[in-house]
Amino acid sequence: MMRRIVLLPLLLLLAACGLHPLYGGGTGSPVSGLLSSVEVGPVAGQQGWLVRTKLLDRLGESGSAPPHYRLDVTLDDNITSYGLRADRAATQERRTLRARYQLVDISNGAVVLDETAGSDSSIDVVSSEYATVAAEQTALENLSGIVADQIVARLAIYAARTTHRR
């Protein structure tokens, strides 16, 4: 009985905090509606293909209705060497993938969201050039997923905060 008396005020405080599920309502929610109405524009390069593919996976199926939004993404992929040995050879690399993305309302061409996302990864440079190139590629694949997750999360927050629906 005492436990219930203590838990009841805590539950009331939690209910009053204003938290609610971002994807509440399932496929009928405004968030799912916006995400499924986004067309991802082409993104240049191998990095672009990876990020675009991951975005399409995360945004879900579209095509049942004409898209209302277009997502334009520009990437900056950079590898920087550091950790130099006495012979000036690098022992570490940092791969950085940054994305600038814009959500464009197709009906009027207005940019409704203009943001950036990015992440970086450290790579050990080893004596095998093949192993180093493989590590760079793996880092790019992982970074592409992280950047795509950041973009989709920001789109979901935008959808939850806007009240307009089509």
C-alpha atoms as a PDB file:
ATOM      1  CA  MET A   1       0.000   0.000   0.000  1.00  0.00           C
ATOM      2  CA  MET A   2       2.785   2.414   0.919  1.00  0.00           C
ATOM      3  CA  ARG A   3       4.537   1.651  -2.367  1.00  0.00           C
ATOM      4  CA  ARG A   4       1.428   2.672  -4.324  1.00  0.00           C
ATOM      5  CA  ILE A   5       1.203   5.931  -2.410  1.00  0.00           C
ATOM      6  CA  VAL A   6       4.811   6.736  -3.329  1.00  0.00           C
ATOM      7  CA  LEU A   7       4.489   5.654  -6.992  1.00  0.00           C
ATOM      8  CA  LEU A   8       1.270   7.559  -7.733  1.00  0.00           C
ATOM      9  CA  PRO A   9       2.827  11.069  -7.462  1.00  0.00           C
ATOM     10  CA  LEU A  10       5.798   9.923  -9.524  1.00  0.00           C
ATOM     11  CA  LEU A  11       3.504   8.653 -12.284  1.00  0.00           C
ATOM     12  CA  LEU A  12       1.567  11.914 -12.264  1.00  0.00           C
ATOM     13  CA  LEU A  13       4.809  13.891 -12.580  1.00  0.00           C
ATOM     14  CA  LEU A  14       5.893  11.738 -15.504  1.00  0.00           C
ATOM     15  CA  ALA A  15       2.560  12.221 -17.259  1.00  0.00           C
ATOM     16  CA  ALA A  16       2.813  15.996 -16.809  1.00  0.00           C
ATOM     17  CA  CYS A  17       6.298  16.322 -18.313  1.00  0.00           C
ATOM     18  CA  GLY A  18       4.973  16.608 -21.866  1.00  0.00           C
ATOM     19  CA  LEU A  19       6.860  13.664 -23.302  1.00  0.00           C
ATOM     20  CA  HIS A  20       5.044  11.723 -25.968  1.00  0.00           C
ATOM     21  CA  PRO A  21       6.125   9.097 -28.492  1.00  0.00           C
ATOM     22  CA  LEU A  22       7.541  10.606 -31.666  1.00  0.00           C
ATOM     23  CA  TYR A  23       6.045   7.884 -33.843  1.00  0.00           C
ATOM     24  CA  GLY A  24       2.825   7.615 -31.810  1.00  0.00           C
ATOM     25  CA  GLY A  25      -0.074   6.645 -34.038  1.00  0.00           C
ATOM     26  CA  GLY A  26       1.900   4.255 -36.233  1.00  0.00           C
ATOM     27  CA  THR A  27       1.624   4.694 -39.990  1.00  0.00           C
ATOM     28  CA  GLY A  28      -1.233   7.165 -39.573  1.00  0.00           C
ATOM     29  CA  SER A  29       0.822   9.639 -37.557  1.00  0.00           C
ATOM     30  CA  PRO A  30       1.954  13.007 -38.948  1.00  0.00           C
ATOM     31  CA  VAL A  31       5.562  11.872 -38.577  1.00  0.00           C
ATOM     32  CA  SER A  32       5.074   8.736 -40.666  1.00  0.00           C
ATOM     33  CA  GLY A  33       3.017  10.719 -43.144  1.00  0.00           C
ATOM     34  CA  LEU A  34       5.767  13.260 -43.691  1.00  0.00           C
ATOM     35  CA  LEU A  35       8.538  10.683 -43.843  1.00  0.00           C
ATOM     36  CA  SER A  36       6.683   8.620 -46.439  1.00  0.00           C
ATOM     37  CA  SER A  37       6.031  11.742 -48.537  1.00  0.00           C
ATOM     38  CA  VAL A  38       9.722  12.618 -48.927  1.00  0.00           C
ATOM     39  CA  GLU A  39      11.484  12.029 -52.223  1.00  0.00           C
ATOM     40  CA  VAL A  40      15.271  11.842 -51.887  1.00  0.00           C
ATOM     41  CA  GLY A  41      17.065  13.646 -54.667  1.00  0.00           C
ATOM     42  CA  PRO A  42      20.219  12.246 -56.254  1.00  0.00           C
ATOM     43  CA  VAL A  43      23.423  12.656 -54.246  1.00  0.00           C
ATOM     44  CA  ALA A  44      26.776  12.716 -56.049  1.00  0.00           C
ATOM     45  CA  GLY A  45      29.522  10.131 -55.637  1.00  0.00           C
ATOM     46  CA  GLN A  46      29.921   6.797 -53.892  1.00  0.00           C
ATOM     47  CA  GLN A  47      29.311   8.473 -50.536  1.00  0.00           C
ATOM     48  CA  GLY A  48      26.128   9.954 -51.976  1.00  0.00           C
ATOM     49  CA  TRP A  49      24.911   6.588 -53.171  1.00  0.00           C
ATOM     50  CA  LEU A  50      25.509   5.103 -49.719  1.00  0.00           C
ATOM     51  CA  VAL A  51      23.769   7.928 -47.862  1.00  0.00           C
ATOM     52  CA  ARG A  52      20.850   8.040 -50.327  1.00  0.00           C
ATOM     53  CA  THR A  53      20.336   4.275 -50.096  1.00  0.00           C
ATOM     54  CA  LYS A  54      20.342   4.407 -46.297  1.00  0.00           C
ATOM     55  CA  LEU A  55      17.929   7.355 -46.335  1.00  0.00           C
ATOM     56  CA  LEU A  56      15.545   5.470 -48.603  1.00  0.00           C
ATOM     57  CA  ASP A  57      15.710   2.460 -46.270  1.00  0.00           C
ATOM     58  CA  ARG A  58      14.931   4.589 -43.238  1.00  0.00           C
ATOM     59  CA  LEU A  59      12.208   6.735 -44.783  1.00  0.00           C
ATOM     60  CA  GLY A  60      10.168   3.699 -45.714  1.00  0.00           C
ATOM     61  CA  GLU A  61       8.050   3.002 -48.712  1.00  0.00           C
ATOM     62  CA  SER A  62       6.970   5.945 -50.769  1.00  0.00           C
ATOM     63  CA  GLY A  63       5.298   5.959 -54.119  1.00  0.00           C
ATOM     64  CA  SER A  64       1.735   5.233 -53.005  1.00  0.00           C
ATOM     65  CA  ALA A  65       1.051   8.954 -53.416  1.00  0.00           C
ATOM     66  CA  PRO A  66       2.944  11.777 -55.089  1.00  0.00           C
ATOM     67  CA  PRO A  67       5.713  13.159 -52.876  1.00  0.00           C
ATOM     68  CA  HIS A  68       5.088  16.435 -51.047  1.00  0.00           C
ATOM     69  CA  TYR A  69       8.714  17.083 -50.164  1.00  0.00           C
ATOM     70  CA  ARG A  70      12.123  16.663 -51.757  1.00  0.00           C
ATOM     71  CA  LEU A  71      15.245  16.100 -49.698  1.00  0.00           C
ATOM     72  CA  ASP A  72      18.363  17.627 -51.236  1.00  0.00           C
ATOM     73  CA  VAL A  73      21.648  16.443 -49.722  1.00  0.00           C
ATOM     74  CA  THR A  74      25.185  17.700 -50.316  1.00  0.00           C
ATOM     75  CA  LEU A  75      28.067  15.756 -48.774  1.00  0.00           C
ATOM     76  CA  ASP A  76      31.583  16.633 -47.711  1.00  0.00           C
ATOM     77  CA  ASP A  77      33.805  13.572 -47.180  1.00  0.00           C
ATOM     78  CA  ASN A  78      37.301  14.185 -45.873  1.00  0.00           C
ATOM     79  CA  ILE A  79      40.178  11.958 -44.731  1.00  0.00           C
ATOM     80  CA  THR A  80      42.879  13.609 -42.629  1.00  0.00           C
ATOM     81  CA  SER A  81      46.113  11.896 -41.604  1.00  0.00           C
ATOM     82  CA  TYR A  82      47.597  12.420 -38.160  1.00  0.00           C
ATOM     83  CA  GLY A  83      49.755  10.585 -35.648  1.00  0.00           C
ATOM     84  CA  LEU A  84      52.970  10.874 -37.651  1.00  0.00           C
ATOM     85  CA  ARG A  85      55.916   8.588 -36.943  1.00  0.00           C
ATOM     86  CA  ALA A  86      59.548   9.673 -37.081  1.00  0.00           C
ATOM     87  CA  ASP A  87      59.660   8.770 -40.797  1.00  0.00           C
ATOM     88  CA  ARG A  88      56.662  11.123 -41.373  1.00  0.00           C
ATOM     89  CA  ALA A  89      54.276   8.229 -42.136  1.00  0.00           C
ATOM     90  CA  ALA A  90      50.777   8.560 -40.683  1.00  0.00           C
ATOM     91  CA  THR A  91      49.615   6.062 -38.081  1.00  0.00           C
ATOM     92  CA  GLN A  92      46.013   7.314 -37.880  1.00  0.00           C
ATOM     93  CA  GLU A  93      43.398   8.820 -40.161  1.00  0.00           C
ATOM     94  CA  ARG A  94      40.162  10.571 -39.359  1.00  0.00           C
ATOM     95  CA  ARG A  95      37.324  10.204 -41.840  1.00  0.00           C
ATOM     96  CA  THR A  96      34.702  12.916 -41.542  1.00  0.00           C
ATOM     97  CA  LEU A  97      31.371  12.829 -43.352  1.00  0.00           C
ATOM     98  CA  ARG A  98      29.239  15.974 -43.203  1.00  0.00           C
ATOM     99  CA  ALA A  99      25.901  16.519 -44.899  1.00  0.00           C
ATOM    100  CA  ARG A 100      24.000  19.695 -45.569  1.00  0.00           C
ATOM    101  CA  TYR A 101      20.412  18.869 -46.321  1.00  0.00           C
ATOM    102  CA  GLN A 102      17.345  20.832 -47.247  1.00  0.00           C
ATOM    103  CA  LEU A 103      13.734  19.714 -47.112  1.00  0.00           C
ATOM    104  CA  VAL A 104      11.917  21.431 -49.955  1.00  0.00           C
ATOM    105  CA  ASP A 105       8.131  21.755 -50.252  1.00  0.00           C
ATOM    106  CA  ILE A 106       7.532  20.608 -53.829  1.00  0.00           C
ATOM    107  CA  SER A 107       4.288  22.593 -54.204  1.00  0.00           C
ATOM    108  CA  ASN A 108       5.966  25.984 -53.902  1.00  0.00           C
ATOM    109  CA  GLY A 109       9.732  25.320 -53.853  1.00  0.00           C
ATOM    110  CA  ALA A 110      10.122  26.710 -50.330  1.00  0.00           C
ATOM    111  CA  VAL A 111      12.913  25.326 -48.174  1.00  0.00           C
ATOM    112  CA  VAL A 112      11.179  24.328 -44.932  1.00  0.00           C
ATOM    113  CA  LEU A 113      14.212  22.811 -43.233  1.00  0.00           C
ATOM    114  CA  ASP A 114      17.900  23.580 -43.776  1.00  0.00           C
ATOM    115  CA  GLU A 115      20.224  21.650 -41.473  1.00  0.00           C
ATOM    116  CA  THR A 116      23.537  19.813 -41.234  1.00  0.00           C
ATOM    117  CA  ALA A 117      24.471  16.385 -39.950  1.00  0.00           C
ATOM    118  CA  GLY A 118      27.788  14.671 -39.589  1.00  0.00           C
ATOM    119  CA  SER A 119      30.059  12.277 -37.839  1.00  0.00           C
ATOM    120  CA  ASP A 120      33.653  11.127 -37.916  1.00  0.00           C
ATOM    121  CA  SER A 121      35.632   7.969 -37.384  1.00  0.00           C
ATOM    122  CA  SER A 122      39.231   7.164 -36.539  1.00  0.00           C
ATOM    123  CA  ILE A 123      41.114   4.644 -38.684  1.00  0.00           C
ATOM    124  CA  ASP A 124      44.378   2.866 -37.884  1.00  0.00           C
ATOM    125  CA  VAL A 125      46.848   3.025 -40.758  1.00  0.00           C
ATOM    126  CA  VAL A 126      48.597  -0.335 -40.978  1.00  0.00           C
ATOM    127  CA  SER A 127      51.379  -1.695 -43.168  1.00  0.00           C
ATOM    128  CA  SER A 128      48.866  -3.385 -45.490  1.00  0.00           C
ATOM    129  CA  GLU A 129      47.478  -0.835 -47.933  1.00  0.00           C
ATOM    130  CA  TYR A 130      44.553  -3.163 -48.647  1.00  0.00           C
ATOM    131  CA  ALA A 131      43.621  -3.286 -44.945  1.00  0.00           C
ATOM    132  CA  THR A 132      43.777   0.491 -44.668  1.00  0.00           C
ATOM    133  CA  VAL A 133      41.569   0.982 -47.744  1.00  0.00           C
ATOM    134  CA  ALA A 134      39.118  -1.615 -46.398  1.00  0.00           C
ATOM    135  CA  ALA A 135      39.016   0.225 -43.051  1.00  0.00           C
ATOM    136  CA  GLU A 136      38.373   3.528 -44.852  1.00  0.00           C
ATOM    137  CA  GLN A 137      35.498   1.942 -46.789  1.00  0.00           C
ATOM    138  CA  THR A 138      34.007   0.380 -43.657  1.00  0.00           C
ATOM    139  CA  ALA A 139      34.223   3.748 -41.910  1.00  0.00           C
ATOM    140  CA  LEU A 140      32.388   5.389 -44.839  1.00  0.00           C
ATOM    141  CA  GLU A 141      29.619   2.784 -44.717  1.00  0.00           C
ATOM    142  CA  ASN A 142      29.199   3.257 -40.956  1.00  0.00           C
ATOM    143  CA  LEU A 143      29.288   7.045 -41.198  1.00  0.00           C
ATOM    144  CA  SER A 144      26.674   6.943 -43.975  1.00  0.00           C
ATOM    145  CA  GLY A 145      24.287   5.124 -41.668  1.00  0.00           C
ATOM    146  CA  ILE A 146      24.930   7.544 -38.796  1.00  0.00           C
ATOM    147  CA  VAL A 147      24.373  10.590 -40.998  1.00  0.00           C
ATOM    148  CA  ALA A 148      21.192   9.083 -42.489  1.00  0.00           C
ATOM    149  CA  ASP A 149      19.885   8.363 -38.971  1.00  0.00           C
ATOM    150  CA  GLN A 150      20.566  11.971 -37.928  1.00  0.00           C
ATOM    151  CA  ILE A 151      18.748  13.334 -40.985  1.00  0.00           C
ATOM    152  CA  VAL A 152      15.687  11.115 -40.512  1.00  0.00           C
ATOM    153  CA  ALA A 153      15.534  11.935 -36.793  1.00  0.00           C
ATOM    154  CA  ARG A 154      15.573  15.656 -37.584  1.00  0.00           C
ATOM    155  CA  LEU A 155      12.866  15.204 -40.228  1.00  0.00           C
ATOM    156  CA  ALA A 156      10.746  13.330 -37.680  1.00  0.00           C
ATOM    157  CA  ILE A 157      11.177  16.123 -35.131  1.00  0.00           C
ATOM    158  CA  TYR A 158      10.208  18.671 -37.792  1.00  0.00           C
ATOM    159  CA  ALA A 159       7.087  16.655 -38.618  1.00  0.00           C
ATOM    160  CA  ALA A 160       6.118  16.380 -34.964  1.00  0.00           C
ATOM    161  CA  ARG A 161       6.517  20.130 -34.425  1.00  0.00           C
ATOM    162  CA  THR A 162       4.624  21.305 -37.479  1.00  0.00           C
ATOM    163  CA  THR A 163       0.877  21.316 -37.521  1.00  0.00           C
ATOM    164  CA  HIS A 164       0.285  21.661 -41.250  1.00  0.00           C
ATOM    165  CA  ARG A 165      -0.839  18.586 -43.115  1.00  0.00           C
ATOM    166  CA  ARG A 166      -1.610  18.001 -46.711  1.00  0.00           C
END
